[in-house]
């Protein structure tokens, strides 16, 4: 069963800070990130446990997690 308010929209779970919102679908990842003012290189989009590419089209009732990319290393 879909969460309340999720039917007919893409459910986004954004991290850092944690929040949830819905957007109408279908929508391409690249367009969604533009709307959210997020840089594609600074986040990962995960749908059903799989990272999705920028040209992927998200459909109504998809659940997508948007996580910031964290990198590190020695200087």
PDB file of N, CA and C in Angstrom:
ATOM      1  N   UNK A   1       0.840  -1.183   0.000  1.00  0.00           N
ATOM      2  CA  UNK A   1       0.000   0.000   0.000  1.00  0.00           C
ATOM      3  C   UNK A   1       0.882   1.243   0.000  1.00  0.00           C
ATOM      4  N   UNK A   2       0.562   2.187  -0.868  1.00  0.00           N
ATOM      5  CA  UNK A   2       1.365   3.405  -0.999  1.00  0.00           C
ATOM      6  C   UNK A   2       1.086   4.359   0.153  1.00  0.00           C
ATOM      7  N   UNK A   3       2.098   5.131   0.577  1.00  0.00           N
ATOM      8  CA  UNK A   3       1.885   6.124   1.620  1.00  0.00           C
ATOM      9  C   UNK A   3       0.844   7.149   1.202  1.00  0.00           C
ATOM     10  N   UNK A   4       0.184   7.753   2.172  1.00  0.00           N
ATOM     11  CA  UNK A   4      -0.820   8.775   1.882  1.00  0.00           C
ATOM     12  C   UNK A   4      -0.180   9.894   1.078  1.00  0.00           C
ATOM     13  N   UNK A   5      -0.863  10.338   0.015  1.00  0.00           N
ATOM     14  CA  UNK A   5      -0.352  11.416  -0.817  1.00  0.00           C
ATOM     15  C   UNK A   5       0.664  10.972  -1.847  1.00  0.00           C
ATOM     16  N   UNK A   6       0.961   9.687  -1.887  1.00  0.00           N
ATOM     17  CA  UNK A   6       1.979   9.183  -2.808  1.00  0.00           C
ATOM     18  C   UNK A   6       1.368   8.768  -4.137  1.00  0.00           C
ATOM     19  N   UNK A   7       0.157   8.259  -4.135  1.00  0.00           N
ATOM     20  CA  UNK A   7      -0.447   7.741  -5.366  1.00  0.00           C
ATOM     21  C   UNK A   7      -0.494   8.833  -6.435  1.00  0.00           C
ATOM     22  N   UNK A   8       0.001   8.511  -7.621  1.00  0.00           N
ATOM     23  CA  UNK A   8      -0.021   9.459  -8.721  1.00  0.00           C
ATOM     24  C   UNK A   8       1.113  10.459  -8.694  1.00  0.00           C
ATOM     25  N   UNK A   9       2.148  10.178  -7.913  1.00  0.00           N
ATOM     26  CA  UNK A   9       3.287  11.084  -7.847  1.00  0.00           C
ATOM     27  C   UNK A   9       4.532  10.288  -7.495  1.00  0.00           C
ATOM     28  N   UNK A  10       5.681  10.886  -7.781  1.00  0.00           N
ATOM     29  CA  UNK A  10       6.960  10.303  -7.401  1.00  0.00           C
ATOM     30  C   UNK A  10       7.227  10.705  -5.951  1.00  0.00           C
ATOM     31  N   UNK A  11       7.489   9.731  -5.087  1.00  0.00           N
ATOM     32  CA  UNK A  11       7.806  10.006  -3.687  1.00  0.00           C
ATOM     33  C   UNK A  11       9.311  10.165  -3.556  1.00  0.00           C
ATOM     34  N   UNK A  12       9.742  11.319  -3.072  1.00  0.00           N
ATOM     35  CA  UNK A  12      11.164  11.605  -2.887  1.00  0.00           C
ATOM     36  C   UNK A  12      11.510  11.552  -1.416  1.00  0.00           C
ATOM     37  N   UNK A  13      12.565  10.835  -1.085  1.00  0.00           N
ATOM     38  CA  UNK A  13      13.108  10.821   0.265  1.00  0.00           C
ATOM     39  C   UNK A  13      14.466  11.482   0.179  1.00  0.00           C
ATOM     40  N   UNK A  14      14.530  12.713   0.628  1.00  0.00           N
ATOM     41  CA  UNK A  14      15.772  13.478   0.554  1.00  0.00           C
ATOM     42  C   UNK A  14      16.525  13.349   1.865  1.00  0.00           C
ATOM     43  N   UNK A  15      17.828  13.294   1.784  1.00  0.00           N
ATOM     44  CA  UNK A  15      18.687  13.146   2.952  1.00  0.00           C
ATOM     45  C   UNK A  15      19.555  14.382   3.124  1.00  0.00           C
ATOM     46  N   UNK A  16      19.809  14.674   4.377  1.00  0.00           N
ATOM     47  CA  UNK A  16      20.720  15.743   4.780  1.00  0.00           C
ATOM     48  C   UNK A  16      20.275  17.129   4.332  1.00  0.00           C
ATOM     49  N   UNK A  17      19.229  17.696   4.895  1.00  0.00           N
ATOM     50  CA  UNK A  17      18.413  17.165   5.989  1.00  0.00           C
ATOM     51  C   UNK A  17      17.354  16.188   5.475  1.00  0.00           C
ATOM     52  N   UNK A  18      16.922  15.288   6.368  1.00  0.00           N
ATOM     53  CA  UNK A  18      15.914  14.295   6.005  1.00  0.00           C
ATOM     54  C   UNK A  18      14.559  14.965   5.835  1.00  0.00           C
ATOM     55  N   UNK A  19      13.936  14.679   4.710  1.00  0.00           N
ATOM     56  CA  UNK A  19      12.585  15.183   4.436  1.00  0.00           C
ATOM     57  C   UNK A  19      11.981  14.350   3.317  1.00  0.00           C
ATOM     58  N   UNK A  20      10.676  14.424   3.186  1.00  0.00           N
ATOM     59  CA  UNK A  20       9.966  13.686   2.153  1.00  0.00           C
ATOM     60  C   UNK A  20       9.059  14.649   1.417  1.00  0.00           C
ATOM     61  N   UNK A  21       8.968  14.482   0.099  1.00  0.00           N
ATOM     62  CA  UNK A  21       8.034  15.272  -0.689  1.00  0.00           C
ATOM     63  C   UNK A  21       7.634  14.478  -1.917  1.00  0.00           C
ATOM     64  N   UNK A  22       6.563  14.906  -2.555  1.00  0.00           N
ATOM     65  CA  UNK A  22       6.124  14.264  -3.786  1.00  0.00           C
ATOM     66  C   UNK A  22       6.181  15.263  -4.925  1.00  0.00           C
ATOM     67  N   UNK A  23       6.397  14.741  -6.127  1.00  0.00           N
ATOM     68  CA  UNK A  23       6.382  15.552  -7.345  1.00  0.00           C
ATOM     69  C   UNK A  23       5.597  14.786  -8.403  1.00  0.00           C
ATOM     70  N   UNK A  24       4.901  15.495  -9.271  1.00  0.00           N
ATOM     71  CA  UNK A  24       4.154  14.809 -10.323  1.00  0.00           C
ATOM     72  C   UNK A  24       5.093  14.087 -11.285  1.00  0.00           C
ATOM     73  N   UNK A  25       4.714  12.907 -11.699  1.00  0.00           N
ATOM     74  CA  UNK A  25       5.471  12.151 -12.690  1.00  0.00           C
ATOM     75  C   UNK A  25       4.624  12.008 -13.931  1.00  0.00           C
ATOM     76  N   UNK A  26       5.163  11.492 -14.988  1.00  0.00           N
ATOM     77  CA  UNK A  26       6.565  11.122 -15.144  1.00  0.00           C
ATOM     78  C   UNK A  26       7.456  12.359 -15.268  1.00  0.00           C
ATOM     79  N   UNK A  27       8.705  12.181 -14.835  1.00  0.00           N
ATOM     80  CA  UNK A  27       9.671  13.273 -14.884  1.00  0.00           C
ATOM     81  C   UNK A  27      11.070  12.675 -15.024  1.00  0.00           C
ATOM     82  N   UNK A  28      11.871  13.288 -15.885  1.00  0.00           N
ATOM     83  CA  UNK A  28      13.275  12.847 -16.038  1.00  0.00           C
ATOM     84  C   UNK A  28      14.071  13.292 -14.817  1.00  0.00           C
ATOM     85  N   UNK A  29      15.036  12.478 -14.443  1.00  0.00           N
ATOM     86  CA  UNK A  29      15.902  12.781 -13.308  1.00  0.00           C
ATOM     87  C   UNK A  29      16.540  14.150 -13.478  1.00  0.00           C
ATOM     88  N   UNK A  30      17.062  14.447 -14.653  1.00  0.00           N
ATOM     89  CA  UNK A  30      17.743  15.729 -14.882  1.00  0.00           C
ATOM     90  C   UNK A  30      16.801  16.915 -14.664  1.00  0.00           C
ATOM     91  N   UNK A  31      15.555  16.789 -15.089  1.00  0.00           N
ATOM     92  CA  UNK A  31      14.559  17.858 -14.903  1.00  0.00           C
ATOM     93  C   UNK A  31      14.206  17.987 -13.423  1.00  0.00           C
ATOM     94  N   UNK A  32      14.031  16.861 -12.748  1.00  0.00           N
ATOM     95  CA  UNK A  32      13.718  16.874 -11.325  1.00  0.00           C
ATOM     96  C   UNK A  32      14.812  17.577 -10.533  1.00  0.00           C
ATOM     97  N   UNK A  33      16.062  17.245 -10.822  1.00  0.00           N
ATOM     98  CA  UNK A  33      17.167  17.870 -10.095  1.00  0.00           C
ATOM     99  C   UNK A  33      17.234  19.363 -10.369  1.00  0.00           C
ATOM    100  N   UNK A  34      16.940  19.782 -11.593  1.00  0.00           N
ATOM    101  CA  UNK A  34      16.883  21.214 -11.898  1.00  0.00           C
ATOM    102  C   UNK A  34      15.807  21.898 -11.057  1.00  0.00           C
ATOM    103  N   UNK A  35      14.643  21.270 -10.965  1.00  0.00           N
ATOM    104  CA  UNK A  35      13.534  21.832 -10.168  1.00  0.00           C
ATOM    105  C   UNK A  35      13.914  21.953  -8.697  1.00  0.00           C
ATOM    106  N   UNK A  36      14.654  20.969  -8.197  1.00  0.00           N
ATOM    107  CA  UNK A  36      15.070  20.973  -6.792  1.00  0.00           C
ATOM    108  C   UNK A  36      16.337  21.787  -6.563  1.00  0.00           C
ATOM    109  N   UNK A  37      16.905  22.321  -7.639  1.00  0.00           N
ATOM    110  CA  UNK A  37      18.136  23.101  -7.597  1.00  0.00           C
ATOM    111  C   UNK A  37      19.286  22.293  -6.986  1.00  0.00           C
ATOM    112  N   UNK A  38      19.385  21.019  -7.447  1.00  0.00           N
ATOM    113  CA  UNK A  38      20.453  20.136  -7.007  1.00  0.00           C
ATOM    114  C   UNK A  38      21.375  19.832  -8.178  1.00  0.00           C
ATOM    115  N   UNK A  39      22.666  19.779  -7.907  1.00  0.00           N
ATOM    116  CA  UNK A  39      23.661  19.448  -8.914  1.00  0.00           C
ATOM    117  C   UNK A  39      23.730  17.935  -9.059  1.00  0.00           C
ATOM    118  N   UNK A  40      23.607  17.420 -10.267  1.00  0.00           N
ATOM    119  CA  UNK A  40      23.613  15.975 -10.525  1.00  0.00           C
ATOM    120  C   UNK A  40      24.879  15.310  -9.997  1.00  0.00           C
ATOM    121  N   UNK A  41      25.980  16.007 -10.003  1.00  0.00           N
ATOM    122  CA  UNK A  41      27.239  15.423  -9.550  1.00  0.00           C
ATOM    123  C   UNK A  41      27.379  15.406  -8.029  1.00  0.00           C
ATOM    124  N   UNK A  42      26.452  16.066  -7.330  1.00  0.00           N
ATOM    125  CA  UNK A  42      26.564  16.126  -5.865  1.00  0.00           C
ATOM    126  C   UNK A  42      25.587  15.191  -5.155  1.00  0.00           C
ATOM    127  N   UNK A  43      24.739  14.480  -5.930  1.00  0.00           N
ATOM    128  CA  UNK A  43      23.753  13.584  -5.323  1.00  0.00           C
ATOM    129  C   UNK A  43      23.679  12.255  -6.067  1.00  0.00           C
ATOM    130  N   UNK A  44      23.185  11.238  -5.361  1.00  0.00           N
ATOM    131  CA  UNK A  44      22.858   9.946  -5.949  1.00  0.00           C
ATOM    132  C   UNK A  44      21.352   9.774  -5.868  1.00  0.00           C
ATOM    133  N   UNK A  45      20.738   9.298  -6.941  1.00  0.00           N
ATOM    134  CA  UNK A  45      19.318   8.960  -6.931  1.00  0.00           C
ATOM    135  C   UNK A  45      19.204   7.448  -6.947  1.00  0.00           C
ATOM    136  N   UNK A  46      18.471   6.921  -5.996  1.00  0.00           N
ATOM    137  CA  UNK A  46      18.353   5.475  -5.834  1.00  0.00           C
ATOM    138  C   UNK A  46      16.880   5.093  -5.913  1.00  0.00           C
ATOM    139  N   UNK A  47      16.558   4.235  -6.882  1.00  0.00           N
ATOM    140  CA  UNK A  47      15.193   3.723  -7.043  1.00  0.00           C
ATOM    141  C   UNK A  47      15.254   2.206  -6.913  1.00  0.00           C
ATOM    142  N   UNK A  48      14.498   1.675  -5.961  1.00  0.00           N
ATOM    143  CA  UNK A  48      14.464   0.228  -5.734  1.00  0.00           C
ATOM    144  C   UNK A  48      15.863  -0.353  -5.538  1.00  0.00           C
ATOM    145  N   UNK A  49      16.716   0.358  -4.804  1.00  0.00           N
ATOM    146  CA  UNK A  49      18.045  -0.138  -4.496  1.00  0.00           C
ATOM    147  C   UNK A  49      19.066   0.019  -5.609  1.00  0.00           C
ATOM    148  N   UNK A  50      18.674   0.672  -6.711  1.00  0.00           N
ATOM    149  CA  UNK A  50      19.566   0.837  -7.855  1.00  0.00           C
ATOM    150  C   UNK A  50      19.775   2.315  -8.155  1.00  0.00           C
ATOM    151  N   UNK A  51      21.021   2.713  -8.349  1.00  0.00           N
ATOM    152  CA  UNK A  51      21.314   4.094  -8.731  1.00  0.00           C
ATOM    153  C   UNK A  51      20.806   4.322 -10.146  1.00  0.00           C
ATOM    154  N   UNK A  52      20.125   5.444 -10.361  1.00  0.00           N
ATOM    155  CA  UNK A  52      19.571   5.739 -11.685  1.00  0.00           C
ATOM    156  C   UNK A  52      20.334   6.875 -12.346  1.00  0.00           C
ATOM    157  N   UNK A  53      20.402   6.829 -13.666  1.00  0.00           N
ATOM    158  CA  UNK A  53      21.119   7.828 -14.475  1.00  0.00           C
ATOM    159  C   UNK A  53      20.266   9.078 -14.672  1.00  0.00           C
ATOM    160  N   UNK A  54      20.911  10.158 -15.093  1.00  0.00           N
ATOM    161  CA  UNK A  54      20.246  11.440 -15.302  1.00  0.00           C
ATOM    162  C   UNK A  54      19.198  11.444 -16.390  1.00  0.00           C
ATOM    163  N   UNK A  55      19.303  10.506 -17.346  1.00  0.00           N
ATOM    164  CA  UNK A  55      18.315  10.466 -18.428  1.00  0.00           C
ATOM    165  C   UNK A  55      17.163   9.503 -18.137  1.00  0.00           C
ATOM    166  N   UNK A  56      17.135   8.927 -16.927  1.00  0.00           N
ATOM    167  CA  UNK A  56      16.059   8.023 -16.523  1.00  0.00           C
ATOM    168  C   UNK A  56      14.778   8.816 -16.303  1.00  0.00           C
ATOM    169  N   UNK A  57      13.657   8.250 -16.731  1.00  0.00           N
ATOM    170  CA  UNK A  57      12.353   8.863 -16.471  1.00  0.00           C
ATOM    171  C   UNK A  57      11.717   8.168 -15.277  1.00  0.00           C
ATOM    172  N   UNK A  58      11.402   8.953 -14.257  1.00  0.00           N
ATOM    173  CA  UNK A  58      10.728   8.438 -13.072  1.00  0.00           C
ATOM    174  C   UNK A  58       9.232   8.451 -13.316  1.00  0.00           C
ATOM    175  N   UNK A  59       8.551   7.411 -12.865  1.00  0.00           N
ATOM    176  CA  UNK A  59       7.119   7.267 -13.088  1.00  0.00           C
ATOM    177  C   UNK A  59       6.350   7.529 -11.797  1.00  0.00           C
ATOM    178  N   UNK A  60       5.053   7.861 -11.960  1.00  0.00           N
ATOM    179  CA  UNK A  60       4.181   7.961 -10.795  1.00  0.00           C
ATOM    180  C   UNK A  60       4.314   6.687  -9.988  1.00  0.00           C
ATOM    181  N   UNK A  61       4.265   6.796  -8.699  1.00  0.00           N
ATOM    182  CA  UNK A  61       4.364   5.690  -7.746  1.00  0.00           C
ATOM    183  C   UNK A  61       5.783   5.159  -7.554  1.00  0.00           C
ATOM    184  N   UNK A  62       6.795   5.752  -8.231  1.00  0.00           N
ATOM    185  CA  UNK A  62       8.186   5.413  -7.922  1.00  0.00           C
ATOM    186  C   UNK A  62       8.540   6.012  -6.566  1.00  0.00           C
ATOM    187  N   UNK A  63       9.391   5.322  -5.829  1.00  0.00           N
ATOM    188  CA  UNK A  63       9.962   5.853  -4.596  1.00  0.00           C
ATOM    189  C   UNK A  63      11.454   6.010  -4.822  1.00  0.00           C
ATOM    190  N   UNK A  64      11.939   7.217  -4.639  1.00  0.00           N
ATOM    191  CA  UNK A  64      13.326   7.541  -4.955  1.00  0.00           C
ATOM    192  C   UNK A  64      13.972   8.193  -3.739  1.00  0.00           C
ATOM    193  N   UNK A  65      15.173   7.732  -3.421  1.00  0.00           N
ATOM    194  CA  UNK A  65      15.945   8.354  -2.354  1.00  0.00           C
ATOM    195  C   UNK A  65      17.037   9.201  -2.998  1.00  0.00           C
ATOM    196  N   UNK A  66      17.174  10.425  -2.519  1.00  0.00           N
ATOM    197  CA  UNK A  66      18.215  11.325  -3.012  1.00  0.00           C
ATOM    198  C   UNK A  66      19.207  11.530  -1.876  1.00  0.00           C
ATOM    199  N   UNK A  67      20.430  11.054  -2.097  1.00  0.00           N
ATOM    200  CA  UNK A  67      21.486  11.133  -1.081  1.00  0.00           C
ATOM    201  C   UNK A  67      22.625  11.996  -1.580  1.00  0.00           C
ATOM    202  N   UNK A  68      23.220  12.786  -0.695  1.00  0.00           N
ATOM    203  CA  UNK A  68      24.399  13.547  -1.096  1.00  0.00           C
ATOM    204  C   UNK A  68      25.579  12.613  -1.320  1.00  0.00           C
ATOM    205  N   UNK A  69      26.393  12.944  -2.290  1.00  0.00           N
ATOM    206  CA  UNK A  69      27.622  12.193  -2.540  1.00  0.00           C
ATOM    207  C   UNK A  69      28.637  12.613  -1.488  1.00  0.00           C
ATOM    208  N   UNK A  70      29.241  11.633  -0.853  1.00  0.00           N
ATOM    209  CA  UNK A  70      30.266  11.903   0.149  1.00  0.00           C
ATOM    210  C   UNK A  70      31.558  11.274  -0.338  1.00  0.00           C
ATOM    211  N   UNK A  71      32.585  12.071  -0.431  1.00  0.00           N
ATOM    212  CA  UNK A  71      33.863  11.537  -0.858  1.00  0.00           C
ATOM    213  C   UNK A  71      34.939  11.981   0.109  1.00  0.00           C
ATOM    214  N   UNK A  72      36.019  11.316   0.056  1.00  0.00           N
ATOM    215  CA  UNK A  72      37.121  11.674   0.921  1.00  0.00           C
ATOM    216  C   UNK A  72      38.389  11.017   0.433  1.00  0.00           C
ATOM    217  N   UNK A  73      39.424  11.271   1.118  1.00  0.00           N
ATOM    218  CA  UNK A  73      40.694  10.663   0.735  1.00  0.00           C
ATOM    219  C   UNK A  73      41.829  11.415   1.390  1.00  0.00           C
ATOM    220  N   UNK A  74      42.987  10.883   1.209  1.00  0.00           N
ATOM    221  CA  UNK A  74      44.182  11.495   1.775  1.00  0.00           C
ATOM    222  C   UNK A  74      44.736  12.551   0.833  1.00  0.00           C
ATOM    223  N   UNK A  75      45.309  13.543   1.397  1.00  0.00           N
ATOM    224  CA  UNK A  75      45.956  14.592   0.587  1.00  0.00           C
ATOM    225  C   UNK A  75      47.376  14.257   0.331  1.00  0.00           C
TER     226      UNK A  75
END
